[in-house]
Amino acid sequence: MKTQRSARAGALAWLIALAIGTTALSALAAESQLTGVVNLNTATQEELQLLPGIGESRAKAVIEARKRKGGFQKVEDLLEVKGIGEAGLQKLRPHVTLEGKTTAHTN
């Protein structure tokens, strides 16, 4: 009886680890498929959602912050958006700009 429980517990732990690993790999793959940049001062909600970690509600929050500020002066201004911290900013930094056209697209 104990052997069966141990085997089940081991199998369950393995499945959980596999699911976590698969999710992490999917997130990394999604981020690596983004090429080009998103202009924080002109991007639409849909364009902002191309960025890693930016979903519908956070894209709306970026647009609201942009309106309040009259535009972003520096990329670090994203820290004022609820849900974007230092770690998120570091993931976003290579994919954003404050000038020029939005050229981002996914492969």
N, C-alpha and C. Protein backbone atom coordinates (compact mmCIF):
# COMPACT_ATOMS: atom_id res chain seq x y z
N MET A 1 0.82 -1.19 0.00
CA MET A 1 0.00 0.00 0.00
C MET A 1 0.86 1.26 0.00
N LYS A 2 1.88 1.30 0.89
CA LYS A 2 2.75 2.46 0.94
C LYS A 2 3.53 2.62 -0.35
N THR A 3 3.91 1.53 -0.96
CA THR A 3 4.67 1.57 -2.20
C THR A 3 3.83 2.20 -3.31
N GLN A 4 2.56 1.84 -3.36
CA GLN A 4 1.68 2.43 -4.38
C GLN A 4 1.53 3.94 -4.17
N ARG A 5 1.36 4.35 -2.92
CA ARG A 5 1.24 5.78 -2.62
C ARG A 5 2.51 6.53 -3.00
N SER A 6 3.64 5.93 -2.67
CA SER A 6 4.91 6.56 -3.02
C SER A 6 5.06 6.68 -4.53
N ALA A 7 4.67 5.64 -5.23
CA ALA A 7 4.76 5.66 -6.69
C ALA A 7 3.83 6.72 -7.27
N ARG A 8 2.62 6.81 -6.73
CA ARG A 8 1.67 7.82 -7.20
C ARG A 8 2.18 9.23 -6.89
N ALA A 9 2.70 9.41 -5.69
CA ALA A 9 3.21 10.72 -5.30
C ALA A 9 4.39 11.11 -6.20
N GLY A 10 5.25 10.16 -6.49
CA GLY A 10 6.38 10.42 -7.37
C GLY A 10 5.93 10.77 -8.77
N ALA A 11 4.95 10.03 -9.27
CA ALA A 11 4.42 10.30 -10.62
C ALA A 11 3.75 11.66 -10.66
N LEU A 12 3.00 12.00 -9.63
CA LEU A 12 2.33 13.30 -9.56
C LEU A 12 3.36 14.42 -9.52
N ALA A 13 4.40 14.26 -8.72
CA ALA A 13 5.45 15.28 -8.64
C ALA A 13 6.13 15.45 -10.00
N TRP A 14 6.35 14.35 -10.69
CA TRP A 14 6.98 14.41 -12.01
C TRP A 14 6.08 15.14 -13.00
N LEU A 15 4.78 14.86 -12.97
CA LEU A 15 3.85 15.53 -13.87
C LEU A 15 3.77 17.03 -13.59
N ILE A 16 3.79 17.40 -12.33
CA ILE A 16 3.76 18.82 -11.97
C ILE A 16 5.02 19.51 -12.45
N ALA A 17 6.16 18.88 -12.24
CA ALA A 17 7.43 19.46 -12.70
C ALA A 17 7.43 19.60 -14.22
N LEU A 18 6.90 18.62 -14.91
CA LEU A 18 6.83 18.66 -16.36
C LEU A 18 5.93 19.81 -16.82
N ALA A 19 4.80 19.98 -16.17
CA ALA A 19 3.87 21.06 -16.53
C ALA A 19 4.51 22.43 -16.30
N ILE A 20 5.20 22.58 -15.19
CA ILE A 20 5.87 23.86 -14.89
C ILE A 20 6.95 24.13 -15.92
N GLY A 21 7.73 23.12 -16.23
CA GLY A 21 8.79 23.28 -17.23
C GLY A 21 8.25 23.62 -18.60
N THR A 22 7.17 22.98 -18.99
CA THR A 22 6.56 23.24 -20.30
C THR A 22 6.02 24.66 -20.36
N THR A 23 5.39 25.12 -19.29
CA THR A 23 4.87 26.48 -19.24
C THR A 23 6.00 27.49 -19.35
N ALA A 24 7.09 27.26 -18.63
CA ALA A 24 8.23 28.18 -18.67
C ALA A 24 8.83 28.22 -20.08
N LEU A 25 8.96 27.07 -20.71
CA LEU A 25 9.51 27.04 -22.07
C LEU A 25 8.61 27.74 -23.06
N SER A 26 7.30 27.58 -22.89
CA SER A 26 6.35 28.26 -23.78
C SER A 26 6.48 29.77 -23.64
N ALA A 27 6.62 30.25 -22.42
CA ALA A 27 6.76 31.68 -22.19
C ALA A 27 8.04 32.20 -22.83
N LEU A 28 9.13 31.47 -22.68
CA LEU A 28 10.39 31.88 -23.28
C LEU A 28 10.29 31.88 -24.80
N ALA A 29 9.65 30.87 -25.35
CA ALA A 29 9.50 30.79 -26.80
C ALA A 29 8.68 31.95 -27.32
N ALA A 30 7.62 32.30 -26.60
CA ALA A 30 6.77 33.41 -27.03
C ALA A 30 7.56 34.72 -27.03
N GLU A 31 8.38 34.94 -26.00
CA GLU A 31 9.18 36.16 -25.94
C GLU A 31 10.20 36.20 -27.07
N SER A 32 10.80 35.06 -27.38
CA SER A 32 11.85 35.07 -28.39
C SER A 32 11.30 35.24 -29.79
N GLN A 33 9.99 35.07 -29.99
CA GLN A 33 9.40 35.20 -31.31
C GLN A 33 9.11 36.65 -31.68
N LEU A 34 9.24 37.56 -30.75
CA LEU A 34 8.97 38.97 -31.01
C LEU A 34 10.19 39.62 -31.65
N THR A 35 9.99 40.22 -32.81
CA THR A 35 11.05 40.98 -33.45
C THR A 35 10.57 42.40 -33.67
N GLY A 36 11.51 43.32 -33.69
CA GLY A 36 11.16 44.72 -33.84
C GLY A 36 10.89 45.36 -32.49
N VAL A 37 10.41 46.59 -32.52
CA VAL A 37 10.15 47.35 -31.29
C VAL A 37 8.75 47.94 -31.30
N VAL A 38 8.28 48.26 -30.12
CA VAL A 38 6.99 48.92 -29.93
C VAL A 38 7.26 50.32 -29.40
N ASN A 39 6.73 51.32 -30.09
CA ASN A 39 6.87 52.71 -29.63
C ASN A 39 5.82 52.94 -28.54
N LEU A 40 6.30 53.15 -27.32
CA LEU A 40 5.39 53.33 -26.18
C LEU A 40 4.50 54.55 -26.32
N ASN A 41 4.94 55.54 -27.08
CA ASN A 41 4.18 56.78 -27.19
C ASN A 41 3.14 56.78 -28.30
N THR A 42 3.18 55.79 -29.18
CA THR A 42 2.21 55.77 -30.29
C THR A 42 1.50 54.43 -30.46
N ALA A 43 1.93 53.42 -29.76
CA ALA A 43 1.41 52.06 -29.97
C ALA A 43 -0.06 51.94 -29.60
N THR A 44 -0.75 51.14 -30.37
CA THR A 44 -2.14 50.79 -30.06
C THR A 44 -2.15 49.74 -28.96
N GLN A 45 -3.32 49.48 -28.43
CA GLN A 45 -3.46 48.43 -27.42
C GLN A 45 -2.97 47.09 -27.97
N GLU A 46 -3.33 46.78 -29.19
CA GLU A 46 -2.95 45.51 -29.80
C GLU A 46 -1.44 45.41 -29.96
N GLU A 47 -0.80 46.51 -30.34
CA GLU A 47 0.66 46.51 -30.48
C GLU A 47 1.33 46.34 -29.13
N LEU A 48 0.81 46.99 -28.11
CA LEU A 48 1.38 46.84 -26.76
C LEU A 48 1.27 45.39 -26.28
N GLN A 49 0.20 44.73 -26.65
CA GLN A 49 -0.02 43.34 -26.23
C GLN A 49 0.96 42.37 -26.87
N LEU A 50 1.72 42.79 -27.84
CA LEU A 50 2.77 41.95 -28.41
C LEU A 50 3.94 41.80 -27.43
N LEU A 51 4.05 42.73 -26.50
CA LEU A 51 5.16 42.75 -25.56
C LEU A 51 5.04 41.65 -24.51
N PRO A 52 6.18 41.10 -24.06
CA PRO A 52 6.14 40.05 -23.04
C PRO A 52 5.55 40.57 -21.73
N GLY A 53 4.58 39.84 -21.22
CA GLY A 53 3.97 40.20 -19.94
C GLY A 53 2.89 41.26 -20.04
N ILE A 54 2.56 41.70 -21.24
CA ILE A 54 1.54 42.74 -21.40
C ILE A 54 0.29 42.13 -22.03
N GLY A 55 -0.74 42.05 -21.22
CA GLY A 55 -2.03 41.57 -21.69
C GLY A 55 -2.96 42.75 -21.92
N GLU A 56 -4.22 42.45 -22.06
CA GLU A 56 -5.21 43.49 -22.37
C GLU A 56 -5.27 44.57 -21.29
N SER A 57 -5.39 44.18 -20.04
CA SER A 57 -5.56 45.18 -18.98
C SER A 57 -4.29 46.01 -18.77
N ARG A 58 -3.12 45.39 -18.86
CA ARG A 58 -1.89 46.15 -18.68
C ARG A 58 -1.64 47.07 -19.88
N ALA A 59 -2.02 46.65 -21.08
CA ALA A 59 -1.89 47.52 -22.25
C ALA A 59 -2.76 48.76 -22.07
N LYS A 60 -3.98 48.56 -21.56
CA LYS A 60 -4.86 49.70 -21.29
C LYS A 60 -4.24 50.62 -20.24
N ALA A 61 -3.60 50.03 -19.23
CA ALA A 61 -2.97 50.83 -18.17
C ALA A 61 -1.79 51.64 -18.73
N VAL A 62 -1.05 51.06 -19.67
CA VAL A 62 0.06 51.79 -20.30
C VAL A 62 -0.50 52.97 -21.08
N ILE A 63 -1.57 52.76 -21.81
CA ILE A 63 -2.17 53.85 -22.59
C ILE A 63 -2.69 54.96 -21.67
N GLU A 64 -3.31 54.57 -20.57
CA GLU A 64 -3.81 55.57 -19.61
C GLU A 64 -2.66 56.36 -19.00
N ALA A 65 -1.58 55.68 -18.64
CA ALA A 65 -0.41 56.37 -18.09
C ALA A 65 0.19 57.31 -19.12
N ARG A 66 0.22 56.89 -20.36
CA ARG A 66 0.74 57.72 -21.45
C ARG A 66 -0.10 58.99 -21.60
N LYS A 67 -1.42 58.84 -21.52
CA LYS A 67 -2.31 60.01 -21.62
C LYS A 67 -2.11 60.96 -20.45
N ARG A 68 -2.02 60.40 -19.23
CA ARG A 68 -1.83 61.22 -18.03
C ARG A 68 -0.54 62.03 -18.09
N LYS A 69 0.52 61.38 -18.58
CA LYS A 69 1.83 62.02 -18.60
C LYS A 69 2.06 62.89 -19.83
N GLY A 70 1.18 62.76 -20.82
CA GLY A 70 1.42 63.47 -22.07
C GLY A 70 2.52 62.79 -22.87
N GLY A 71 2.71 61.51 -22.65
CA GLY A 71 3.75 60.73 -23.33
C GLY A 71 4.84 60.33 -22.36
N PHE A 72 5.53 59.27 -22.69
CA PHE A 72 6.63 58.79 -21.87
C PHE A 72 7.91 59.52 -22.26
N GLN A 73 8.64 59.99 -21.27
CA GLN A 73 9.91 60.67 -21.51
C GLN A 73 11.08 59.69 -21.49
N LYS A 74 10.92 58.61 -20.72
CA LYS A 74 11.96 57.58 -20.63
C LYS A 74 11.28 56.23 -20.40
N VAL A 75 11.94 55.17 -20.78
CA VAL A 75 11.37 53.82 -20.65
C VAL A 75 11.05 53.51 -19.19
N GLU A 76 11.84 54.03 -18.28
CA GLU A 76 11.63 53.79 -16.85
C GLU A 76 10.29 54.32 -16.35
N ASP A 77 9.64 55.19 -17.12
CA ASP A 77 8.32 55.69 -16.76
C ASP A 77 7.30 54.56 -16.68
N LEU A 78 7.60 53.43 -17.33
CA LEU A 78 6.71 52.27 -17.26
C LEU A 78 6.55 51.75 -15.83
N LEU A 79 7.50 52.06 -14.97
CA LEU A 79 7.41 51.60 -13.58
C LEU A 79 6.21 52.21 -12.87
N GLU A 80 5.66 53.28 -13.41
CA GLU A 80 4.48 53.92 -12.82
C GLU A 80 3.20 53.16 -13.17
N VAL A 81 3.29 52.22 -14.10
CA VAL A 81 2.12 51.43 -14.51
C VAL A 81 1.97 50.27 -13.54
N LYS A 82 0.77 50.15 -12.97
CA LYS A 82 0.50 49.07 -12.02
C LYS A 82 0.78 47.72 -12.68
N GLY A 83 1.56 46.89 -11.99
CA GLY A 83 1.86 45.57 -12.49
C GLY A 83 3.19 45.47 -13.24
N ILE A 84 3.84 46.60 -13.46
CA ILE A 84 5.15 46.57 -14.11
C ILE A 84 6.19 46.99 -13.07
N GLY A 85 7.03 46.04 -12.72
CA GLY A 85 8.11 46.29 -11.77
C GLY A 85 9.46 46.23 -12.46
N GLU A 86 10.50 46.20 -11.68
CA GLU A 86 11.86 46.17 -12.23
C GLU A 86 12.09 44.96 -13.13
N ALA A 87 11.64 43.78 -12.69
CA ALA A 87 11.85 42.57 -13.50
C ALA A 87 11.09 42.67 -14.83
N GLY A 88 9.87 43.15 -14.77
CA GLY A 88 9.08 43.31 -15.99
C GLY A 88 9.70 44.34 -16.92
N LEU A 89 10.22 45.41 -16.34
CA LEU A 89 10.86 46.45 -17.14
C LEU A 89 12.07 45.88 -17.89
N GLN A 90 12.83 45.04 -17.22
CA GLN A 90 14.00 44.46 -17.87
C GLN A 90 13.61 43.56 -19.05
N LYS A 91 12.48 42.86 -18.92
CA LYS A 91 12.01 42.02 -20.03
C LYS A 91 11.51 42.88 -21.20
N LEU A 92 10.94 44.03 -20.87
CA LEU A 92 10.38 44.91 -21.89
C LEU A 92 11.43 45.75 -22.61
N ARG A 93 12.45 46.14 -21.89
CA ARG A 93 13.44 47.11 -22.38
C ARG A 93 13.94 46.83 -23.81
N PRO A 94 14.31 45.59 -24.17
CA PRO A 94 14.82 45.38 -25.53
C PRO A 94 13.75 45.52 -26.63
N HIS A 95 12.49 45.55 -26.24
CA HIS A 95 11.40 45.54 -27.21
C HIS A 95 10.67 46.86 -27.34
N VAL A 96 11.10 47.89 -26.60
CA VAL A 96 10.37 49.15 -26.63
C VAL A 96 11.28 50.31 -27.04
N THR A 97 10.63 51.35 -27.55
CA THR A 97 11.32 52.58 -27.91
C THR A 97 10.37 53.74 -27.63
N LEU A 98 10.91 54.94 -27.65
CA LEU A 98 10.10 56.14 -27.45
C LEU A 98 10.00 56.97 -28.72
N GLU A 99 10.73 56.57 -29.74
CA GLU A 99 10.74 57.32 -31.00
C GLU A 99 10.59 56.36 -32.17
N GLY A 100 10.20 56.89 -33.30
CA GLY A 100 10.09 56.09 -34.51
C GLY A 100 8.83 55.26 -34.55
N LYS A 101 8.78 54.40 -35.55
CA LYS A 101 7.59 53.57 -35.77
C LYS A 101 7.64 52.29 -34.95
N THR A 102 6.46 51.77 -34.66
CA THR A 102 6.36 50.43 -34.09
C THR A 102 6.60 49.45 -35.24
N THR A 103 7.59 48.58 -35.04
CA THR A 103 7.94 47.60 -36.07
C THR A 103 7.77 46.17 -35.57
N ALA A 104 7.28 46.03 -34.34
CA ALA A 104 7.19 44.70 -33.71
C ALA A 104 6.20 43.81 -34.42
N HIS A 105 6.57 42.55 -34.49
CA HIS A 105 5.66 41.51 -34.98
C HIS A 105 6.17 40.17 -34.45
N THR A 106 5.29 39.21 -34.41
CA THR A 106 5.69 37.89 -33.97
C THR A 106 5.93 37.01 -35.18
N ASN A 107 6.85 36.10 -35.02
CA ASN A 107 7.20 35.19 -36.13
C ASN A 107 6.21 34.06 -36.25
